[in-house]
Protein backbone atom coordinates (compact mmCIF):
# COMPACT_ATOMS: atom_id res chain seq x y z
CA MET A 1 33.51 63.84 170.40
CA ALA A 2 33.68 61.89 166.01
CA GLY A 3 37.80 62.32 166.52
CA LEU A 4 37.76 60.95 170.72
CA ALA A 5 35.99 57.86 169.23
CA ILE A 6 38.51 57.72 166.24
CA VAL A 7 41.47 57.27 169.17
CA ALA A 8 39.44 54.87 170.96
CA LEU A 9 39.07 52.89 168.01
CA VAL A 10 42.27 52.59 166.79
CA PHE A 11 43.43 51.84 170.63
CA ALA A 12 40.42 49.22 171.05
CA GLY A 13 42.28 47.52 167.65
CA TRP A 14 45.46 47.07 169.54
CA ARG A 15 44.97 44.93 172.24
CA LYS A 16 45.30 41.00 171.87
CA THR A 17 42.38 39.06 170.78
CA ALA A 18 39.81 37.31 173.78
CA ARG A 19 41.71 34.01 171.56
CA ALA A 20 44.73 33.92 171.05
CA ALA A 21 46.31 31.53 168.29
CA PRO A 22 48.04 28.53 167.94
CA ARG A 23 51.23 28.76 167.25
CA THR A 24 52.14 26.20 163.97
CA PRO A 25 55.48 24.92 164.30
CA ARG A 26 58.45 25.49 161.66
CA ALA A 27 58.64 21.70 160.53
CA GLU A 28 56.54 18.18 160.76
CA PRO A 29 56.15 17.89 163.75
CA LYS A 30 57.82 14.51 164.74
CA LEU A 31 55.22 12.02 166.26
CA ARG A 32 51.75 12.49 164.80
CA ARG A 33 47.79 10.37 165.76
CA PRO A 34 47.05 8.17 163.15
CA ARG A 35 43.97 10.02 161.62
CA VAL A 36 40.89 7.45 161.40
CA PRO A 37 38.13 8.22 158.98
CA ILE A 38 34.44 8.74 161.09
CA GLY A 39 31.67 6.95 159.37
CA ILE A 40 28.53 8.39 157.96
CA ALA A 41 25.67 7.08 158.60
CA GLU A 42 22.72 7.80 155.70
CA SER A 43 19.03 7.98 156.37
CA THR A 44 15.91 8.45 155.36
CA VAL A 45 14.02 10.99 157.28
CA PRO A 46 10.44 11.42 157.26
CA LEU A 47 8.93 14.24 155.14
CA TYR A 48 7.46 17.51 156.56
CA LYS A 49 4.03 17.43 157.69
CA PRO A 50 2.31 20.36 158.21
CA PRO A 51 1.01 21.32 161.81
CA ASN A 52 -3.09 20.05 161.82
CA VAL A 53 -6.05 22.76 162.06
CA ILE A 54 -5.83 22.91 165.97
CA ARG A 55 -2.45 23.25 166.82
CA ARG A 56 -2.61 26.61 163.67
CA VAL A 57 -5.73 27.86 165.54
CA LEU A 58 -3.96 28.07 168.77
CA SER A 59 -1.34 29.52 168.15
CA GLY A 60 -3.31 32.45 165.59
CA VAL A 61 -5.43 33.23 168.70
CA ALA A 62 -2.47 33.71 171.89
CA SER A 63 -0.07 35.43 169.17
CA LEU A 64 -3.10 37.93 168.41
CA GLY A 65 -3.94 37.90 173.18
CA LEU A 66 0.44 38.77 173.19
CA GLY A 67 -0.25 41.99 170.96
CA VAL A 68 -3.11 42.87 172.27
CA VAL A 69 -1.57 42.45 175.39
CA ILE A 70 1.20 44.33 174.33
CA GLY A 71 -0.30 47.02 172.41
CA ILE A 72 -2.30 47.93 176.02
CA VAL A 73 0.77 47.81 177.93
CA SER A 74 3.08 50.12 175.83
CA ALA A 75 -0.28 52.35 174.99
CA ILE A 76 -0.48 52.92 179.18
CA VAL A 77 3.34 53.46 179.29
CA ILE A 78 3.26 56.32 176.86
CA ALA A 79 0.09 58.04 177.88
CA PHE A 80 1.81 58.26 181.89
CA GLY A 81 4.67 59.05 179.94
CA SER A 82 3.01 61.98 178.02
CA ALA A 83 0.90 62.96 180.93
CA PHE A 84 3.82 63.00 183.44
CA LEU A 85 5.93 65.11 180.57
CA VAL A 86 2.75 67.37 180.06
CA ILE A 87 2.95 68.23 183.70
CA THR A 88 6.25 68.34 183.85
CA MET A 89 6.20 70.89 181.72
CA THR A 90 3.08 73.55 182.92
CA ASP A 91 4.64 73.51 186.57
CA LEU A 92 7.25 74.99 184.72
CA LEU A 93 5.54 77.78 183.04
CA LYS A 94 3.68 78.10 185.57
CA SER A 95 6.83 79.23 188.43
């Protein structure tokens, strides 16, 4: 299996890339657009202001609720999966 994987990687490396590299001319191009500098605007920005207490509490409650819901759903899935596995295995032992 490892040998086949190496062979597949070698063959995959020989393919062309999705984006072809642009061909660079050997000589200087005869027509060249003039380079125009790009203007940069410098302005001050307001300093970081932390969120207020209500927003922090709401985000904490929301993350706690999401954690509880995800935990409940994963516990149900694991419980049903393990129950199905145990029932199936015990039925196989009986037959």
